[in-house]
Protein backbone atom coordinates (compact mmCIF):
# COMPACT_ATOMS: atom_id res chain seq x y z
CA MET A 1 58.40 -95.00 8.74
CA THR A 2 59.66 -98.31 8.24
CA LEU A 3 58.83 -101.34 10.25
CA GLU A 4 62.50 -101.35 11.79
CA GLU A 5 62.02 -97.87 12.61
CA SER A 6 58.59 -98.48 14.19
CA ARG A 7 60.12 -101.29 16.41
CA ASP A 8 62.59 -98.57 17.70
CA VAL A 9 59.81 -95.79 18.16
CA ILE A 10 57.19 -97.85 19.93
CA PRO A 11 59.20 -98.58 23.15
CA ILE A 12 60.20 -94.87 23.43
CA MET A 13 56.65 -93.97 22.82
CA GLU A 14 55.42 -96.36 25.49
CA GLU A 15 57.98 -94.98 27.97
CA MET A 16 56.66 -91.49 27.14
CA ILE A 17 53.23 -92.30 27.68
CA SER A 18 54.00 -94.11 31.14
CA LEU A 19 55.91 -91.07 32.16
CA ILE A 20 52.91 -88.69 31.27
CA GLU A 21 50.61 -90.97 33.26
CA GLU A 22 53.05 -90.86 36.33
CA GLN A 23 53.04 -87.08 35.97
CA GLU A 24 49.28 -87.00 35.76
CA LYS A 25 49.15 -88.95 39.02
CA LEU A 26 51.58 -86.74 40.68
CA LEU A 27 49.69 -83.52 39.44
CA SER A 28 46.48 -85.06 40.97
CA GLU A 29 48.09 -85.83 44.20
CA THR A 30 49.55 -82.32 44.46
CA SER A 31 46.15 -80.70 43.69
CA LYS A 32 44.54 -82.78 46.37
CA GLU A 33 47.14 -81.61 48.84
CA LEU A 34 46.90 -78.23 47.89
CA GLU A 35 43.22 -78.40 48.50
CA GLN A 36 43.80 -79.65 51.80
CA MET A 37 46.42 -76.96 52.64
CA GLU A 38 43.94 -74.27 51.49
CA THR A 39 41.07 -76.05 53.57
CA MET A 40 43.55 -76.03 56.57
CA ASP A 41 44.51 -72.39 56.20
CA ARG A 42 40.79 -71.52 56.10
CA ARG A 43 40.19 -73.36 59.32
CA ILE A 44 43.42 -71.83 61.04
CA LYS A 45 41.95 -68.42 60.17
CA GLU A 46 38.67 -69.10 61.58
CA LEU A 47 40.14 -70.40 64.74
CA GLU A 48 42.61 -67.48 64.95
CA ALA A 49 39.43 -65.24 64.76
CA ASP A 50 37.60 -67.13 67.41
CA CYS A 51 40.62 -66.96 69.70
CA GLN A 52 40.83 -63.25 69.43
CA LYS A 53 37.07 -63.06 70.32
CA TRP A 54 37.82 -65.28 73.42
CA TYR A 55 40.71 -63.23 74.22
CA GLU A 56 38.43 -60.25 73.99
CA LEU A 57 35.65 -61.73 76.13
CA ALA A 58 38.23 -62.84 78.74
CA SER A 59 39.77 -59.21 78.81
CA LYS A 60 36.17 -57.69 79.36
CA LEU A 61 35.47 -60.34 82.09
CA ASN A 62 38.74 -59.47 83.62
CA SER A 63 37.88 -55.91 83.85
CA GLU A 64 34.52 -56.48 85.14
CA ASN A 65 35.84 -58.75 87.81
CA ARG A 66 38.45 -56.14 88.88
CA LEU A 67 35.66 -53.73 89.17
CA LEU A 68 33.58 -55.97 91.18
CA GLN A 69 36.41 -56.73 93.66
CA LYS A 70 36.91 -53.00 94.26
CA GLN A 71 33.20 -52.76 95.01
CA ASN A 72 33.46 -55.59 97.35
CA VAL A 73 36.41 -54.08 99.21
CA GLU A 74 34.40 -50.86 99.56
CA LEU A 75 31.39 -52.69 100.63
CA LEU A 76 33.41 -54.28 103.45
CA LYS A 77 34.92 -51.09 104.55
CA LEU A 78 31.67 -49.64 104.65
CA SER A 79 29.91 -52.79 106.66
CA GLY A 80 33.00 -52.62 108.86
CA GLN A 81 32.68 -48.97 109.94
């Protein structure tokens, strides 16, 4: 390669290096964002599981409450007789 050719090629190579560095930076940022999204996805799944447990507990408590209300009505009827 001649000196003149080198002078033409070097700026192109420098630009290519700059573009590669920029792509590496973007890739790193994208990787971090993906990690954060995966973490958020796991947390959402955990919260959904917790929510389901609370829903089941609330349903059981509501059923027990209805049973207690029926028993109270019966007790009031018996005590009123």
